[in-house]
Protein backbone atom coordinates (compact mmCIF):
# COMPACT_ATOMS: atom_id res chain seq x y z
CA UNK A 1 -9.81 -14.48 18.28
CA UNK A 2 -9.67 -16.83 15.81
CA UNK A 3 -8.45 -15.16 12.98
CA UNK A 4 -6.40 -11.42 13.47
CA UNK A 5 -3.84 -9.44 11.60
CA UNK A 6 -0.31 -7.83 13.80
CA UNK A 7 0.45 -4.81 13.13
CA UNK A 8 4.44 -3.50 13.99
CA UNK A 9 4.56 0.14 14.79
CA UNK A 10 8.17 -0.31 15.09
CA UNK A 11 8.54 -2.12 11.96
CA UNK A 12 6.93 0.65 10.34
CA UNK A 13 8.91 3.83 11.64
CA UNK A 14 11.98 1.80 10.60
CA UNK A 15 10.64 1.15 7.08
CA UNK A 16 9.86 5.13 6.99
CA UNK A 17 13.66 6.13 8.43
CA UNK A 18 15.42 3.61 6.18
CA UNK A 19 13.62 4.75 2.43
CA UNK A 20 13.98 8.85 3.59
CA UNK A 21 17.08 8.20 4.32
CA UNK A 22 17.37 6.64 0.57
CA UNK A 23 16.07 9.18 -0.54
CA UNK A 24 18.25 11.84 1.02
CA UNK A 25 17.97 14.56 3.84
CA UNK A 26 16.31 17.24 0.86
CA UNK A 27 13.19 15.20 0.00
CA UNK A 28 9.88 15.47 2.35
CA UNK A 29 7.84 12.02 3.05
CA UNK A 30 4.43 11.20 2.17
CA UNK A 31 3.33 7.82 3.13
CA UNK A 32 0.30 6.97 1.15
CA UNK A 33 -1.95 5.56 3.57
CA UNK A 34 -4.70 5.34 1.31
CA UNK A 35 -7.10 1.58 1.12
CA UNK A 36 -6.90 2.11 4.91
CA UNK A 37 -3.27 2.21 4.77
CA UNK A 38 -2.66 -0.85 2.95
CA UNK A 39 -4.81 -2.62 4.82
CA UNK A 40 -3.31 -1.51 8.29
CA UNK A 41 -5.14 1.20 9.10
CA UNK A 42 -4.88 4.30 7.93
CA UNK A 43 -5.50 5.98 11.52
CA UNK A 44 -2.99 4.10 13.21
CA UNK A 45 -0.14 4.25 10.18
CA UNK A 46 -1.00 8.27 10.73
CA UNK A 47 -1.00 7.81 14.53
CA UNK A 48 2.59 6.01 14.41
CA UNK A 49 4.83 7.79 11.95
CA UNK A 50 3.26 11.30 13.18
CA UNK A 51 6.53 11.57 15.62
CA UNK A 52 8.90 10.77 12.55
CA UNK A 53 7.67 14.22 10.87
CA UNK A 54 6.13 13.16 7.53
CA UNK A 55 5.22 16.17 5.18
CA UNK A 56 1.37 14.89 5.12
CA UNK A 57 -0.03 11.86 4.21
CA UNK A 58 -1.67 10.40 0.51
CA UNK A 59 -4.81 9.12 -0.06
CA UNK A 60 -7.21 8.88 -3.20
CA UNK A 61 -10.86 9.56 -1.49
CA UNK A 62 -12.13 12.69 -0.26
CA UNK A 63 -13.38 9.84 2.49
CA UNK A 64 -10.46 8.42 3.12
CA UNK A 65 -8.94 11.85 3.55
CA UNK A 66 -12.20 13.50 5.78
CA UNK A 67 -11.79 10.48 8.12
CA UNK A 68 -7.98 11.33 8.48
CA UNK A 69 -9.14 14.53 9.64
CA UNK A 70 -12.03 13.07 11.84
CA UNK A 71 -9.33 10.98 13.50
CA UNK A 72 -7.41 14.20 14.49
CA UNK A 73 -4.35 14.61 11.69
CA UNK A 74 -3.57 18.10 11.05
CA UNK A 75 -0.62 17.64 8.15
CA UNK A 76 -1.29 18.26 4.99
CA UNK A 77 -3.79 15.42 2.80
CA UNK A 78 -3.16 14.95 -0.32
CA UNK A 79 -5.60 13.17 -2.57
CA UNK A 80 -4.27 11.37 -5.46
CA UNK A 81 -6.84 10.71 -7.82
CA UNK A 82 -9.19 12.61 -10.09
CA UNK A 83 -12.80 13.05 -7.92
CA UNK A 84 -15.87 13.48 -8.82
CA UNK A 85 -17.80 16.80 -8.64
CA UNK A 86 -19.68 15.90 -5.78
CA UNK A 87 -17.07 15.27 -3.69
CA UNK A 88 -15.52 18.46 -3.57
CA UNK A 89 -17.19 20.14 -1.19
CA UNK A 90 -16.13 17.60 1.26
CA UNK A 91 -12.85 18.03 0.78
CA UNK A 92 -12.92 21.84 1.01
CA UNK A 93 -14.21 21.48 4.33
CA UNK A 94 -11.54 19.25 5.38
CA UNK A 95 -9.31 20.85 3.56
CA UNK A 96 -7.65 18.62 1.95
CA UNK A 97 -5.19 19.10 -1.42
CA UNK A 98 -6.83 17.74 -4.44
CA UNK A 99 -4.50 16.52 -7.29
CA UNK A 100 -5.89 18.32 -10.56
CA UNK A 101 -5.94 16.75 -13.71
CA UNK A 102 -8.55 18.60 -16.16
CA UNK A 103 -9.61 22.63 -15.94
CA UNK A 104 -13.35 22.10 -15.12
CA UNK A 105 -11.96 20.48 -11.74
CA UNK A 106 -10.06 22.98 -11.11
CA UNK A 107 -12.60 25.52 -11.75
CA UNK A 108 -14.76 23.86 -9.77
CA UNK A 109 -11.88 23.97 -7.43
CA UNK A 110 -11.49 27.96 -7.60
CA UNK A 111 -15.00 28.29 -7.14
CA UNK A 112 -14.95 26.79 -3.38
CA UNK A 113 -11.41 28.49 -2.14
CA UNK A 114 -13.30 31.65 -3.36
CA UNK A 115 -15.86 31.19 -0.55
CA UNK A 116 -12.91 30.10 2.44
CA UNK A 117 -9.70 30.90 3.80
CA UNK A 118 -7.90 29.21 1.00
CA UNK A 119 -7.46 25.91 -0.79
CA UNK A 120 -4.30 24.33 -1.85
CA UNK A 121 -3.83 21.66 -5.14
CA UNK A 122 -1.05 19.74 -6.97
CA UNK A 123 -1.09 19.28 -10.69
CA UNK A 124 -0.87 16.07 -12.15
CA UNK A 125 1.59 16.03 -15.27
CA UNK A 126 0.51 12.20 -17.56
CA UNK A 127 3.56 11.36 -19.02
CA UNK A 128 3.17 7.84 -19.40
CA UNK A 129 1.31 5.92 -16.57
CA UNK A 130 -2.56 7.29 -18.69
CA UNK A 131 -5.33 7.27 -16.33
CA UNK A 132 -4.73 10.80 -15.18
CA UNK A 133 -3.08 14.38 -15.22
CA UNK A 134 -2.39 17.32 -18.12
CA UNK A 135 -0.95 15.93 -20.77
CA UNK A 136 3.32 16.99 -21.10
CA UNK A 137 2.83 17.34 -24.38
CA UNK A 138 0.21 20.21 -24.26
CA UNK A 139 1.40 22.71 -21.76
CA UNK A 140 0.29 25.18 -24.41
CA UNK A 141 -3.01 24.54 -24.28
CA UNK A 142 -3.70 23.88 -20.36
CA UNK A 143 -0.99 26.37 -19.12
CA UNK A 144 -2.10 29.67 -19.35
CA UNK A 145 -5.41 28.84 -17.55
CA UNK A 146 -4.04 26.84 -14.60
CA UNK A 147 -1.62 29.97 -13.55
CA UNK A 148 -4.28 32.42 -14.66
CA UNK A 149 -7.08 30.59 -12.01
CA UNK A 150 -4.16 29.52 -9.47
CA UNK A 151 -4.45 33.58 -7.76
CA UNK A 152 -5.45 34.62 -4.38
CA UNK A 153 -7.02 32.02 -2.22
CA UNK A 154 -6.31 29.01 -4.50
CA UNK A 155 -3.16 28.24 -4.05
CA UNK A 156 -1.20 26.24 -6.66
CA UNK A 157 1.26 23.99 -4.17
CA UNK A 158 3.08 21.15 -5.67
CA UNK A 159 3.36 18.92 -9.26
CA UNK A 160 4.00 15.94 -10.20
CA UNK A 161 3.90 12.72 -11.71
CA UNK A 162 3.67 8.81 -11.47
CA UNK A 163 6.29 6.73 -12.77
CA UNK A 164 5.07 3.64 -14.33
CA UNK A 165 7.30 1.01 -14.12
CA UNK A 166 9.52 1.97 -11.78
CA UNK A 167 9.50 -1.43 -10.55
CA UNK A 168 11.09 -3.39 -12.88
CA UNK A 169 14.68 -3.77 -13.04
CA UNK A 170 14.55 -1.82 -17.17
CA UNK A 171 15.36 1.75 -16.65
CA UNK A 172 14.40 3.08 -19.57
CA UNK A 173 10.60 3.31 -19.29
CA UNK A 174 11.43 5.36 -15.80
CA UNK A 175 14.14 7.78 -17.27
CA UNK A 176 11.88 8.53 -20.65
CA UNK A 177 9.14 9.83 -18.15
CA UNK A 178 11.27 11.85 -15.89
CA UNK A 179 13.06 14.00 -18.58
CA UNK A 180 9.54 14.57 -20.16
CA UNK A 181 8.24 15.95 -17.16
CA UNK A 182 11.70 17.70 -16.96
CA UNK A 183 10.39 19.24 -20.20
CA UNK A 184 6.97 20.18 -18.54
CA UNK A 185 8.28 21.80 -15.38
CA UNK A 186 10.65 24.06 -17.59
CA UNK A 187 7.64 25.00 -19.55
CA UNK A 188 5.21 25.75 -16.72
CA UNK A 189 4.10 29.35 -16.11
CA UNK A 190 5.52 29.15 -12.65
CA UNK A 191 8.68 29.22 -11.10
CA UNK A 192 9.38 25.90 -10.00
CA UNK A 193 10.59 27.02 -6.59
CA UNK A 194 7.13 28.36 -5.90
CA UNK A 195 6.04 24.07 -6.07
CA UNK A 196 7.18 21.04 -4.30
CA UNK A 197 8.02 18.47 -7.01
CA UNK A 198 7.56 15.00 -6.20
CA UNK A 199 7.58 12.05 -8.59
CA UNK A 200 8.62 8.59 -6.71
CA UNK A 201 6.60 6.09 -5.04
CA UNK A 202 8.51 3.67 -3.51
CA UNK A 203 10.11 1.43 -5.95
CA UNK A 204 11.74 4.76 -7.50
CA UNK A 205 13.12 5.40 -4.73
CA UNK A 206 14.76 2.56 -3.50
CA UNK A 207 16.22 1.98 -7.05
CA UNK A 208 16.93 5.55 -8.58
CA UNK A 209 16.81 7.84 -5.55
CA UNK A 210 18.32 10.80 -7.52
CA UNK A 211 14.35 11.12 -8.96
CA UNK A 212 13.26 12.31 -5.17
CA UNK A 213 12.68 15.75 -6.43
CA UNK A 214 11.09 17.84 -3.39
CA UNK A 215 9.60 14.19 -1.58
CA UNK A 216 9.07 11.23 -2.13
CA UNK A 217 5.51 8.92 -1.81
CA UNK A 218 6.32 5.52 -0.61
CA UNK A 219 3.82 2.86 -0.10
CA UNK A 220 3.93 -0.67 -0.19
CA UNK A 221 7.89 -0.41 1.31
CA UNK A 222 6.53 1.29 4.95
CA UNK A 223 4.45 -1.72 4.99
CA UNK A 224 7.09 -4.90 4.07
CA UNK A 225 7.05 -4.88 0.67
CA UNK A 226 9.83 -5.41 -1.44
CA UNK A 227 9.19 -3.35 -4.43
CA UNK A 228 12.60 -2.96 -6.15
CA UNK A 229 14.09 -7.13 -6.60
CA UNK A 230 17.38 -7.80 -7.63
CA UNK A 231 18.50 -4.26 -6.15
CA UNK A 232 18.45 -4.21 -2.19
CA UNK A 233 21.06 -6.65 0.21
CA UNK A 234 19.25 -8.61 2.82
CA UNK A 235 20.04 -6.40 4.91
CA UNK A 236 18.31 -3.59 3.36
CA UNK A 237 15.10 -5.30 2.72
CA UNK A 238 11.75 -3.57 4.49
CA UNK A 239 11.28 -5.36 7.96
CA UNK A 240 7.15 -6.46 7.99
CA UNK A 241 4.81 -4.81 8.95
CA UNK A 242 2.28 -7.52 9.15
CA UNK A 243 1.67 -10.97 10.40
CA UNK A 244 -1.64 -12.90 9.74
CA UNK A 245 -2.24 -15.12 12.31
CA UNK A 246 -5.18 -17.61 13.28
CA UNK A 247 -5.71 -20.53 15.87
CA UNK A 248 -6.39 -24.17 15.12
CA UNK A 249 -9.47 -25.27 15.59
CA UNK A 250 -9.67 -29.05 14.94
CA UNK A 251 -7.34 -32.10 14.32
CA UNK A 252 -8.49 -35.23 12.56
CA UNK A 253 -6.06 -38.05 12.12
CA UNK A 254 -7.46 -39.65 8.59
CA UNK A 255 -7.29 -42.59 6.63
CA UNK A 256 -5.35 -42.85 3.12
CA UNK A 257 -8.03 -42.08 0.17
CA UNK A 258 -9.62 -39.08 2.51
CA UNK A 259 -10.83 -36.25 0.29
CA UNK A 260 -10.90 -32.51 1.73
CA UNK A 261 -12.49 -29.08 0.66
CA UNK A 262 -14.94 -28.06 -2.21
CA UNK A 263 -14.27 -30.70 -5.41
CA UNK A 264 -12.67 -32.66 -3.28
CA UNK A 265 -8.98 -31.64 -4.79
CA UNK A 266 -6.68 -32.89 -2.41
CA UNK A 267 -6.66 -37.52 -1.27
CA UNK A 268 -4.47 -38.09 1.53
CA UNK A 269 -2.46 -40.65 -0.27
CA UNK A 270 -1.04 -42.04 3.37
CA UNK A 271 -2.58 -41.67 7.23
CA UNK A 272 -2.36 -38.19 7.61
CA UNK A 273 -3.01 -35.49 9.94
CA UNK A 274 -5.05 -32.56 9.21
CA UNK A 275 -5.88 -29.20 10.84
CA UNK A 276 -8.88 -27.22 10.37
CA UNK A 277 -8.07 -23.41 11.12
CA UNK A 278 -10.69 -20.76 10.77
CA UNK A 279 -9.62 -18.26 8.28
CA UNK A 280 -10.89 -18.24 4.55
CA UNK A 281 -11.21 -16.04 1.27
CA UNK A 282 -13.87 -14.42 3.33
CA UNK A 283 -11.04 -12.50 5.57
CA UNK A 284 -9.04 -11.78 2.48
CA UNK A 285 -6.83 -15.30 2.20
CA UNK A 286 -6.92 -15.78 -1.57
CA UNK A 287 -8.62 -18.93 -2.90
CA UNK A 288 -5.74 -19.44 -5.24
CA UNK A 289 -3.50 -20.48 -2.33
CA UNK A 290 -5.47 -24.00 -2.31
CA UNK A 291 -3.39 -27.07 -2.16
CA UNK A 292 -0.24 -24.60 -2.83
CA UNK A 293 -0.14 -22.30 -0.10
CA UNK A 294 2.40 -22.35 2.97
CA UNK A 295 1.45 -21.91 6.62
CA UNK A 296 4.02 -22.04 9.75
CA UNK A 297 2.98 -24.11 13.00
CA UNK A 298 5.23 -24.20 15.73
CA UNK A 299 7.79 -23.11 13.57
CA UNK A 300 7.54 -25.19 10.80
CA UNK A 301 6.02 -24.98 7.41
CA UNK A 302 2.97 -26.98 6.76
CA UNK A 303 0.62 -27.32 2.74
CA UNK A 304 -2.47 -25.70 2.86
CA UNK A 305 -4.27 -28.82 1.75
CA UNK A 306 -8.01 -28.87 -0.51
CA UNK A 307 -9.42 -25.80 -1.68
CA UNK A 308 -9.71 -22.76 0.41
CA UNK A 309 -13.45 -22.02 1.72
CA UNK A 310 -15.08 -18.49 2.71
CA UNK A 311 -14.28 -19.29 6.36
CA UNK A 312 -11.63 -22.65 6.44
CA UNK A 313 -8.51 -23.97 5.58
CA UNK A 314 -7.38 -27.16 6.06
CA UNK A 315 -3.39 -27.55 7.03
CA UNK A 316 -1.56 -30.72 6.98
CA UNK A 317 0.40 -31.13 9.84
CA UNK A 318 1.60 -34.67 9.86
CA UNK A 319 5.20 -34.28 10.37
CA UNK A 320 4.53 -31.81 13.86
CA UNK A 321 4.03 -33.95 16.80
CA UNK A 322 0.86 -33.23 19.10
CA UNK A 323 -0.41 -30.36 17.19
CA UNK A 324 -3.92 -29.41 19.34
CA UNK A 325 -6.76 -26.79 19.46
CA UNK A 326 -5.82 -23.22 20.35
CA UNK A 327 -2.28 -23.53 18.28
CA UNK A 328 -1.02 -20.47 16.26
CA UNK A 329 -1.25 -20.95 12.85
CA UNK A 330 0.82 -18.14 10.66
CA UNK A 331 -0.14 -17.08 7.03
CA UNK A 332 2.15 -14.18 6.82
CA UNK A 333 4.45 -13.78 9.61
CA UNK A 334 7.44 -15.20 11.50
CA UNK A 335 7.62 -18.43 13.64
CA UNK A 336 10.79 -19.16 15.03
CA UNK A 337 13.29 -19.34 12.61
CA UNK A 338 10.77 -19.67 9.45
CA UNK A 339 9.61 -16.83 7.94
CA UNK A 340 6.70 -16.66 5.08
CA UNK A 341 6.85 -13.00 3.60
CA UNK A 342 3.90 -10.90 2.13
CA UNK A 343 5.92 -11.31 -1.16
CA UNK A 344 6.32 -15.05 -1.26
CA UNK A 345 2.41 -15.18 -0.68
CA UNK A 346 2.03 -12.62 -3.45
CA UNK A 347 3.93 -14.80 -6.06
CA UNK A 348 2.13 -18.07 -4.64
CA UNK A 349 -1.31 -16.01 -5.64
CA UNK A 350 0.10 -14.96 -9.03
CA UNK A 351 -0.29 -11.44 -7.64
CA UNK A 352 1.39 -8.75 -5.89
CA UNK A 353 2.02 -7.84 -2.12
CA UNK A 354 -0.19 -4.85 -2.63
CA UNK A 355 -2.98 -6.82 -3.52
CA UNK A 356 -2.40 -9.19 -0.71
CA UNK A 357 -2.24 -7.07 1.79
CA UNK A 358 -5.64 -4.57 0.89
CA UNK A 359 -7.18 -7.51 0.27
CA UNK A 360 -7.60 -8.83 4.28
CA UNK A 361 -11.14 -8.00 5.16
CA UNK A 362 -12.50 -5.75 8.58
CA UNK A 363 -13.48 -9.52 9.70
CA UNK A 364 -9.75 -9.64 10.85
CA UNK A 365 -9.18 -7.24 13.85
CA UNK A 366 -5.80 -5.77 13.56
CA UNK A 367 -4.06 -6.23 16.84
CA UNK A 368 -0.62 -3.79 17.66
CA UNK A 369 2.25 -6.17 18.21
CA UNK A 370 6.07 -6.06 18.44
CA UNK A 371 6.85 -9.60 16.50
CA UNK A 372 10.71 -9.53 15.70
């Protein structure tokens, strides 16, 4: 293979156990496997975590949930985004649990439930995220109608909110949202004991486990990203569940003044040795890493030189003797004593680890491998 992604089942399971322990024994775990399991493969993630007894799985679209069902997942699957009306029949056919943010969708879901052996929904309360959910201040306007519809074959099984600032060290926004959520729960026209209450994503679980409630919804922590910078000791950091590797395809010795890449943005100051590596932004490697990103070759760090192309990068291996075609280049992951984390790559690219992981394209095969 020219380039590939290694996925580590041991690391994924270890991260699951750690965040479950952080949340406490009372909280169920709903692993988020949207965006094809954050780029690792949703079916693979679900299959890997199945022996650890997650409560269910979270997705973003009905299509994602339907594919999990087709792969043999029988646990609850919750769709955590508002869905267009035309997708509801597919959701009902696969017995997915919708999250509901408006009365029109709830009425459509109720109609489909009446034609089946029963459907579930979780109600979202907007406490400040603003993307979706019923307004926490207006329960009197929507609460009675929700209660009226949630009878018989339509089962109201959960209620939740989403924190918008749990990844930041300032607790004020999260505390405010939690208080709003608690106020809303107290006003719901149904017993809180009849509902699964959840709010905490990875960041909230690691920073404020007291908000774990009945269930947590971990995502990035499972896959090796640290969502709570400054909180965790080095021994508490998540294990990397992903490594991105490629093989050297060409090695060239170049004289001073040689240029590389579109725009000739890098010029060799001395005689240098460059290795061409067949991976690029067409595989999801961020183009912005050109001239600033790093890789590992034979356990040592090397610089990416020139702009990243769609299909190729070039690294300066002048300081490493006898590099040859076929040598492995690590863009994310460990090589010897050195490691490049997904968070480090995200920082260099000016983005977040979520975008890095979900940006890798299907052109990179996913290979199961224990690499630590």
